Amino acid sequence: MPKKSHRSKAKHRAKAARIARERSSQQVVSTVAESGALARKKVPEGQVSVNRYEYLIPELRRIGILGGLMILILITLSFILG
């Protein structure tokens, strides 16, 4: 009996994959259309990159803080345990 359940799961996965592919292709088309609209407006390059990567600076700051804290914890533990 397990083969039947595998078959139904495979059908479901194939259907879900097809739906995901259709959605991604629609998103690509809309993204291409938006980028074409940006090119036609002649927006300065600096402004486009700032809007596109606005999440990057806070993420890098958070990564730096966490990395610094981990290094401080390791140094403190080396003094305590060493």
PDB file of N, CA and C in Angstrom:
ATOM      1  N   MET A   1       0.784  -1.215   0.000  1.00  0.00           N
ATOM      2  CA  MET A   1       0.000   0.000   0.000  1.00  0.00           C
ATOM      3  C   MET A   1       0.831   1.287   0.000  1.00  0.00           C
ATOM      4  N   PRO A   2       2.071   1.277   0.431  1.00  0.00           N
ATOM      5  CA  PRO A   2       2.788   2.541   0.468  1.00  0.00           C
ATOM      6  C   PRO A   2       2.992   3.170  -0.899  1.00  0.00           C
ATOM      7  N   LYS A   3       2.990   2.387  -1.969  1.00  0.00           N
ATOM      8  CA  LYS A   3       3.212   2.969  -3.287  1.00  0.00           C
ATOM      9  C   LYS A   3       2.115   3.944  -3.665  1.00  0.00           C
ATOM     10  N   LYS A   4       0.906   3.665  -3.261  1.00  0.00           N
ATOM     11  CA  LYS A   4      -0.185   4.576  -3.595  1.00  0.00           C
ATOM     12  C   LYS A   4       0.033   5.940  -2.941  1.00  0.00           C
ATOM     13  N   SER A   5       0.457   5.944  -1.679  1.00  0.00           N
ATOM     14  CA  SER A   5       0.668   7.232  -1.016  1.00  0.00           C
ATOM     15  C   SER A   5       1.820   7.995  -1.666  1.00  0.00           C
ATOM     16  N   HIS A   6       2.859   7.265  -2.094  1.00  0.00           N
ATOM     17  CA  HIS A   6       3.963   7.932  -2.780  1.00  0.00           C
ATOM     18  C   HIS A   6       3.504   8.538  -4.093  1.00  0.00           C
ATOM     19  N   ARG A   7       2.645   7.840  -4.794  1.00  0.00           N
ATOM     20  CA  ARG A   7       2.153   8.361  -6.064  1.00  0.00           C
ATOM     21  C   ARG A   7       1.353   9.640  -5.861  1.00  0.00           C
ATOM     22  N   SER A   8       0.491   9.631  -4.848  1.00  0.00           N
ATOM     23  CA  SER A   8      -0.312  10.827  -4.621  1.00  0.00           C
ATOM     24  C   SER A   8       0.560  11.994  -4.175  1.00  0.00           C
ATOM     25  N   LYS A   9       1.584  11.690  -3.379  1.00  0.00           N
ATOM     26  CA  LYS A   9       2.492  12.756  -2.967  1.00  0.00           C
ATOM     27  C   LYS A   9       3.244  13.318  -4.168  1.00  0.00           C
ATOM     28  N   ALA A  10       3.664  12.431  -5.059  1.00  0.00           N
ATOM     29  CA  ALA A  10       4.390  12.885  -6.244  1.00  0.00           C
ATOM     30  C   ALA A  10       3.502  13.749  -7.132  1.00  0.00           C
ATOM     31  N   LYS A  11       2.234  13.357  -7.270  1.00  0.00           N
ATOM     32  CA  LYS A  11       1.312  14.171  -8.063  1.00  0.00           C
ATOM     33  C   LYS A  11       1.155  15.554  -7.442  1.00  0.00           C
ATOM     34  N   HIS A  12       1.011  15.571  -6.109  1.00  0.00           N
ATOM     35  CA  HIS A  12       0.828  16.842  -5.415  1.00  0.00           C
ATOM     36  C   HIS A  12       2.074  17.716  -5.573  1.00  0.00           C
ATOM     37  N   ARG A  13       3.259  17.102  -5.438  1.00  0.00           N
ATOM     38  CA  ARG A  13       4.502  17.867  -5.575  1.00  0.00           C
ATOM     39  C   ARG A  13       4.647  18.424  -6.986  1.00  0.00           C
ATOM     40  N   ALA A  14       4.301  17.612  -7.976  1.00  0.00           N
ATOM     41  CA  ALA A  14       4.411  18.072  -9.362  1.00  0.00           C
ATOM     42  C   ALA A  14       3.467  19.241  -9.617  1.00  0.00           C
ATOM     43  N   LYS A  15       2.266  19.149  -9.073  1.00  0.00           N
ATOM     44  CA  LYS A  15       1.297  20.225  -9.250  1.00  0.00           C
ATOM     45  C   LYS A  15       1.787  21.498  -8.562  1.00  0.00           C
ATOM     46  N   ALA A  16       2.318  21.349  -7.334  1.00  0.00           N
ATOM     47  CA  ALA A  16       2.822  22.509  -6.601  1.00  0.00           C
ATOM     48  C   ALA A  16       4.009  23.131  -7.330  1.00  0.00           C
ATOM     49  N   ALA A  17       4.891  22.295  -7.899  1.00  0.00           N
ATOM     50  CA  ALA A  17       6.045  22.815  -8.626  1.00  0.00           C
ATOM     51  C   ALA A  17       5.602  23.568  -9.872  1.00  0.00           C
ATOM     52  N   ARG A  18       4.587  23.053 -10.564  1.00  0.00           N
ATOM     53  CA  ARG A  18       4.097  23.720 -11.771  1.00  0.00           C
ATOM     54  C   ARG A  18       3.506  25.079 -11.411  1.00  0.00           C
ATOM     55  N   ILE A  19       2.747  25.127 -10.325  1.00  0.00           N
ATOM     56  CA  ILE A  19       2.154  26.393  -9.893  1.00  0.00           C
ATOM     57  C   ILE A  19       3.254  27.387  -9.515  1.00  0.00           C
ATOM     58  N   ALA A  20       4.284  26.906  -8.806  1.00  0.00           N
ATOM     59  CA  ALA A  20       5.383  27.790  -8.409  1.00  0.00           C
ATOM     60  C   ALA A  20       6.114  28.325  -9.631  1.00  0.00           C
ATOM     61  N   ARG A  21       6.327  27.462 -10.663  1.00  0.00           N
ATOM     62  CA  ARG A  21       6.992  27.920 -11.868  1.00  0.00           C
ATOM     63  C   ARG A  21       6.172  28.992 -12.574  1.00  0.00           C
ATOM     64  N   GLU A  22       4.853  28.801 -12.607  1.00  0.00           N
ATOM     65  CA  GLU A  22       3.991  29.791 -13.256  1.00  0.00           C
ATOM     66  C   GLU A  22       4.051  31.120 -12.515  1.00  0.00           C
ATOM     67  N   ARG A  23       4.032  31.062 -11.186  1.00  0.00           N
ATOM     68  CA  ARG A  23       4.105  32.301 -10.397  1.00  0.00           C
ATOM     69  C   ARG A  23       5.430  33.012 -10.615  1.00  0.00           C
ATOM     70  N   SER A  24       6.528  32.236 -10.612  1.00  0.00           N
ATOM     71  CA  SER A  24       7.830  32.874 -10.777  1.00  0.00           C
ATOM     72  C   SER A  24       7.973  33.485 -12.164  1.00  0.00           C
ATOM     73  N   SER A  25       7.408  32.826 -13.184  1.00  0.00           N
ATOM     74  CA  SER A  25       7.501  33.401 -14.521  1.00  0.00           C
ATOM     75  C   SER A  25       6.684  34.687 -14.615  1.00  0.00           C
ATOM     76  N   GLN A  26       5.557  34.740 -13.913  1.00  0.00           N
ATOM     77  CA  GLN A  26       4.764  35.964 -13.900  1.00  0.00           C
ATOM     78  C   GLN A  26       5.515  37.072 -13.181  1.00  0.00           C
ATOM     79  N   GLN A  27       6.229  36.725 -12.089  1.00  0.00           N
ATOM     80  CA  GLN A  27       6.987  37.726 -11.356  1.00  0.00           C
ATOM     81  C   GLN A  27       8.142  38.246 -12.214  1.00  0.00           C
ATOM     82  N   VAL A  28       8.787  37.353 -12.959  1.00  0.00           N
ATOM     83  CA  VAL A  28       9.892  37.778 -13.815  1.00  0.00           C
ATOM     84  C   VAL A  28       9.395  38.743 -14.872  1.00  0.00           C
ATOM     85  N   VAL A  29       8.250  38.453 -15.456  1.00  0.00           N
ATOM     86  CA  VAL A  29       7.690  39.337 -16.479  1.00  0.00           C
ATOM     87  C   VAL A  29       7.382  40.698 -15.881  1.00  0.00           C
ATOM     88  N   SER A  30       6.797  40.727 -14.669  1.00  0.00           N
ATOM     89  CA  SER A  30       6.475  42.012 -14.056  1.00  0.00           C
ATOM     90  C   SER A  30       7.738  42.765 -13.664  1.00  0.00           C
ATOM     91  N   THR A  31       8.774  42.031 -13.213  1.00  0.00           N
ATOM     92  CA  THR A  31      10.028  42.677 -12.854  1.00  0.00           C
ATOM     93  C   THR A  31      10.703  43.269 -14.086  1.00  0.00           C
ATOM     94  N   VAL A  32      10.667  42.537 -15.182  1.00  0.00           N
ATOM     95  CA  VAL A  32      11.254  43.049 -16.421  1.00  0.00           C
ATOM     96  C   VAL A  32      10.502  44.287 -16.875  1.00  0.00           C
ATOM     97  N   ALA A  33       9.194  44.266 -16.751  1.00  0.00           N
ATOM     98  CA  ALA A  33       8.403  45.427 -17.144  1.00  0.00           C
ATOM     99  C   ALA A  33       8.730  46.623 -16.261  1.00  0.00           C
ATOM    100  N   GLU A  34       8.904  46.392 -14.945  1.00  0.00           N
ATOM    101  CA  GLU A  34       9.236  47.487 -14.044  1.00  0.00           C
ATOM    102  C   GLU A  34      10.626  48.041 -14.351  1.00  0.00           C
ATOM    103  N   SER A  35      11.599  47.153 -14.615  1.00  0.00           N
ATOM    104  CA  SER A  35      12.934  47.646 -14.902  1.00  0.00           C
ATOM    105  C   SER A  35      12.950  48.420 -16.217  1.00  0.00           C
ATOM    106  N   GLY A  36      12.134  48.000 -17.164  1.00  0.00           N
ATOM    107  CA  GLY A  36      12.024  48.747 -18.416  1.00  0.00           C
ATOM    108  C   GLY A  36      11.429  50.118 -18.176  1.00  0.00           C
ATOM    109  N   ALA A  37      10.464  50.202 -17.268  1.00  0.00           N
ATOM    110  CA  ALA A  37       9.859  51.488 -16.940  1.00  0.00           C
ATOM    111  C   ALA A  37      10.895  52.399 -16.273  1.00  0.00           C
ATOM    112  N   LEU A  38      11.760  51.821 -15.418  1.00  0.00           N
ATOM    113  CA  LEU A  38      12.801  52.618 -14.783  1.00  0.00           C
ATOM    114  C   LEU A  38      13.792  53.145 -15.820  1.00  0.00           C
ATOM    115  N   ALA A  39      14.116  52.317 -16.794  1.00  0.00           N
ATOM    116  CA  ALA A  39      15.071  52.742 -17.819  1.00  0.00           C
ATOM    117  C   ALA A  39      14.488  53.881 -18.649  1.00  0.00           C
ATOM    118  N   ARG A  40      13.196  53.836 -18.885  1.00  0.00           N
ATOM    119  CA  ARG A  40      12.571  54.888 -19.689  1.00  0.00           C
ATOM    120  C   ARG A  40      12.489  56.206 -18.925  1.00  0.00           C
ATOM    121  N   LYS A  41      12.375  56.145 -17.609  1.00  0.00           N
ATOM    122  CA  LYS A  41      12.266  57.369 -16.816  1.00  0.00           C
ATOM    123  C   LYS A  41      13.602  58.087 -16.685  1.00  0.00           C
ATOM    124  N   LYS A  42      14.704  57.402 -16.962  1.00  0.00           N
ATOM    125  CA  LYS A  42      16.055  57.951 -16.843  1.00  0.00           C
ATOM    126  C   LYS A  42      16.336  58.399 -15.412  1.00  0.00           C
ATOM    127  N   VAL A  43      16.115  57.447 -14.478  1.00  0.00           N
ATOM    128  CA  VAL A  43      16.400  57.694 -13.066  1.00  0.00           C
ATOM    129  C   VAL A  43      17.904  57.580 -12.865  1.00  0.00           C
ATOM    130  N   PRO A  44      18.511  58.486 -12.083  1.00  0.00           N
ATOM    131  CA  PRO A  44      19.949  58.394 -11.827  1.00  0.00           C
ATOM    132  C   PRO A  44      20.306  57.045 -11.196  1.00  0.00           C
ATOM    133  N   GLU A  45      21.496  56.513 -11.555  1.00  0.00           N
ATOM    134  CA  GLU A  45      21.901  55.188 -11.094  1.00  0.00           C
ATOM    135  C   GLU A  45      22.003  55.110  -9.582  1.00  0.00           C
ATOM    136  N   GLY A  46      22.509  56.120  -8.923  1.00  0.00           N
ATOM    137  CA  GLY A  46      22.675  56.108  -7.475  1.00  0.00           C
ATOM    138  C   GLY A  46      21.358  55.926  -6.751  1.00  0.00           C
ATOM    139  N   GLN A  47      20.330  56.545  -7.258  1.00  0.00           N
ATOM    140  CA  GLN A  47      19.023  56.458  -6.619  1.00  0.00           C
ATOM    141  C   GLN A  47      18.445  55.050  -6.747  1.00  0.00           C
ATOM    142  N   VAL A  48      18.644  54.407  -7.877  1.00  0.00           N
ATOM    143  CA  VAL A  48      18.137  53.054  -8.073  1.00  0.00           C
ATOM    144  C   VAL A  48      18.824  52.095  -7.127  1.00  0.00           C
ATOM    145  N   SER A  49      20.152  52.194  -6.991  1.00  0.00           N
ATOM    146  CA  SER A  49      20.875  51.266  -6.132  1.00  0.00           C
ATOM    147  C   SER A  49      20.521  51.483  -4.672  1.00  0.00           C
ATOM    148  N   VAL A  50      20.274  52.706  -4.263  1.00  0.00           N
ATOM    149  CA  VAL A  50      19.891  52.966  -2.879  1.00  0.00           C
ATOM    150  C   VAL A  50      18.537  52.336  -2.596  1.00  0.00           C
ATOM    151  N   ASN A  51      17.591  52.487  -3.499  1.00  0.00           N
ATOM    152  CA  ASN A  51      16.282  51.893  -3.286  1.00  0.00           C
ATOM    153  C   ASN A  51      16.346  50.374  -3.318  1.00  0.00           C
ATOM    154  N   ARG A  52      17.205  49.819  -4.138  1.00  0.00           N
ATOM    155  CA  ARG A  52      17.265  48.377  -4.291  1.00  0.00           C
ATOM    156  C   ARG A  52      17.929  47.711  -3.091  1.00  0.00           C
ATOM    157  N   TYR A  53      18.911  48.357  -2.455  1.00  0.00           N
ATOM    158  CA  TYR A  53      19.685  47.740  -1.381  1.00  0.00           C
ATOM    159  C   TYR A  53      19.512  48.460  -0.047  1.00  0.00           C
ATOM    160  N   GLU A  54      18.349  48.974   0.212  1.00  0.00           N
ATOM    161  CA  GLU A  54      18.156  49.744   1.442  1.00  0.00           C
ATOM    162  C   GLU A  54      18.218  48.878   2.696  1.00  0.00           C
ATOM    163  N   TYR A  55      18.033  47.577   2.581  1.00  0.00           N
ATOM    164  CA  TYR A  55      18.080  46.686   3.729  1.00  0.00           C
ATOM    165  C   TYR A  55      19.504  46.293   4.079  1.00  0.00           C
ATOM    166  N   LEU A  56      20.466  46.572   3.221  1.00  0.00           N
ATOM    167  CA  LEU A  56      21.813  46.042   3.364  1.00  0.00           C
ATOM    168  C   LEU A  56      22.562  46.639   4.556  1.00  0.00           C
ATOM    169  N   ILE A  57      22.500  47.928   4.754  1.00  0.00           N
ATOM    170  CA  ILE A  57      23.250  48.577   5.833  1.00  0.00           C
ATOM    171  C   ILE A  57      22.793  48.083   7.210  1.00  0.00           C
ATOM    172  N   PRO A  58      21.492  48.027   7.508  1.00  0.00           N
ATOM    173  CA  PRO A  58      21.089  47.497   8.820  1.00  0.00           C
ATOM    174  C   PRO A  58      21.493  46.033   9.016  1.00  0.00           C
ATOM    175  N   GLU A  59      21.439  45.248   7.959  1.00  0.00           N
ATOM    176  CA  GLU A  59      21.838  43.839   8.067  1.00  0.00           C
ATOM    177  C   GLU A  59      23.331  43.728   8.373  1.00  0.00           C
ATOM    178  N   LEU A  60      24.165  44.503   7.674  1.00  0.00           N
ATOM    179  CA  LEU A  60      25.600  44.461   7.932  1.00  0.00           C
ATOM    180  C   LEU A  60      25.925  44.942   9.343  1.00  0.00           C
ATOM    181  N   ARG A  61      25.215  45.945   9.809  1.00  0.00           N
ATOM    182  CA  ARG A  61      25.420  46.439  11.169  1.00  0.00           C
ATOM    183  C   ARG A  61      25.081  45.352  12.190  1.00  0.00           C
ATOM    184  N   ARG A  62      23.961  44.666  11.974  1.00  0.00           N
ATOM    185  CA  ARG A  62      23.541  43.599  12.874  1.00  0.00           C
ATOM    186  C   ARG A  62      24.546  42.449  12.874  1.00  0.00           C
ATOM    187  N   ILE A  63      25.050  42.096  11.694  1.00  0.00           N
ATOM    188  CA  ILE A  63      26.045  41.026  11.595  1.00  0.00           C
ATOM    189  C   ILE A  63      27.330  41.425  12.319  1.00  0.00           C
ATOM    190  N   GLY A  64      27.752  42.670  12.167  1.00  0.00           N
ATOM    191  CA  GLY A  64      28.954  43.148  12.847  1.00  0.00           C
ATOM    192  C   GLY A  64      28.819  43.129  14.351  1.00  0.00           C
ATOM    193  N   ILE A  65      27.669  43.549  14.855  1.00  0.00           N
ATOM    194  CA  ILE A  65      27.437  43.551  16.303  1.00  0.00           C
ATOM    195  C   ILE A  65      27.465  42.130  16.840  1.00  0.00           C
ATOM    196  N   LEU A  66      26.776  41.222  16.166  1.00  0.00           N
ATOM    197  CA  LEU A  66      26.761  39.830  16.622  1.00  0.00           C
ATOM    198  C   LEU A  66      28.150  39.200  16.557  1.00  0.00           C
ATOM    199  N   GLY A  67      28.895  39.483  15.497  1.00  0.00           N
ATOM    200  CA  GLY A  67      30.262  38.959  15.390  1.00  0.00           C
ATOM    201  C   GLY A  67      31.159  39.489  16.494  1.00  0.00           C
ATOM    202  N   GLY A  68      31.057  40.784  16.779  1.00  0.00           N
ATOM    203  CA  GLY A  68      31.847  41.386  17.855  1.00  0.00           C
ATOM    204  C   GLY A  68      31.505  40.798  19.207  1.00  0.00           C
ATOM    205  N   LEU A  69      30.214  40.581  19.455  1.00  0.00           N
ATOM    206  CA  LEU A  69      29.806  39.971  20.720  1.00  0.00           C
ATOM    207  C   LEU A  69      30.345  38.549  20.861  1.00  0.00           C
ATOM    208  N   MET A  70      30.312  37.805  19.777  1.00  0.00           N
ATOM    209  CA  MET A  70      30.833  36.433  19.833  1.00  0.00           C
ATOM    210  C   MET A  70      32.333  36.423  20.119  1.00  0.00           C
ATOM    211  N   ILE A  71      33.069  37.326  19.506  1.00  0.00           N
ATOM    212  CA  ILE A  71      34.513  37.401  19.753  1.00  0.00           C
ATOM    213  C   ILE A  71      34.781  37.790  21.197  1.00  0.00           C
ATOM    214  N   LEU A  72      34.022  38.747  21.731  1.00  0.00           N
ATOM    215  CA  LEU A  72      34.197  39.136  23.133  1.00  0.00           C
ATOM    216  C   LEU A  72      33.891  37.982  24.074  1.00  0.00           C
ATOM    217  N   ILE A  73      32.850  37.228  23.777  1.00  0.00           N
ATOM    218  CA  ILE A  73      32.503  36.070  24.611  1.00  0.00           C
ATOM    219  C   ILE A  73      33.621  35.037  24.561  1.00  0.00           C
ATOM    220  N   LEU A  74      34.177  34.782  23.375  1.00  0.00           N
ATOM    221  CA  LEU A  74      35.272  33.817  23.265  1.00  0.00           C
ATOM    222  C   LEU A  74      36.518  34.280  24.028  1.00  0.00           C
ATOM    223  N   ILE A  75      36.832  35.561  23.939  1.00  0.00           N
ATOM    224  CA  ILE A  75      37.993  36.074  24.677  1.00  0.00           C
ATOM    225  C   ILE A  75      37.768  35.950  26.175  1.00  0.00           C
ATOM    226  N   THR A  76      36.579  36.310  26.634  1.00  0.00           N
ATOM    227  CA  THR A  76      36.249  36.209  28.063  1.00  0.00           C
ATOM    228  C   THR A  76      36.316  34.763  28.526  1.00  0.00           C
ATOM    229  N   LEU A  77      35.788  33.854  27.753  1.00  0.00           N
ATOM    230  CA  LEU A  77      35.835  32.436  28.133  1.00  0.00           C
ATOM    231  C   LEU A  77      37.259  31.909  28.142  1.00  0.00           C
ATOM    232  N   SER A  78      38.107  32.406  27.237  1.00  0.00           N
ATOM    233  CA  SER A  78      39.500  31.941  27.231  1.00  0.00           C
ATOM    234  C   SER A  78      40.231  32.366  28.502  1.00  0.00           C
ATOM    235  N   PHE A  79      39.915  33.565  29.036  1.00  0.00           N
ATOM    236  CA  PHE A  79      40.517  34.009  30.274  1.00  0.00           C
ATOM    237  C   PHE A  79      39.968  33.232  31.477  1.00  0.00           C
ATOM    238  N   ILE A  80      38.664  32.973  31.460  1.00  0.00           N
ATOM    239  CA  ILE A  80      38.048  32.274  32.584  1.00  0.00           C
ATOM    240  C   ILE A  80      38.461  30.812  32.619  1.00  0.00           C
ATOM    241  N   LEU A  81      38.421  30.142  31.492  1.00  0.00           N
ATOM    242  CA  LEU A  81      38.704  28.709  31.451  1.00  0.00           C
ATOM    243  C   LEU A  81      40.194  28.388  31.240  1.00  0.00           C
ATOM    244  N   GLY A  82      40.946  29.341  30.751  1.00  0.00           N
ATOM    245  CA  GLY A  82      42.356  29.091  30.434  1.00  0.00           C
ATOM    246  C   GLY A  82      43.238  29.397  31.560  1.00  0.00           C
TER     247      GLY A  82
END
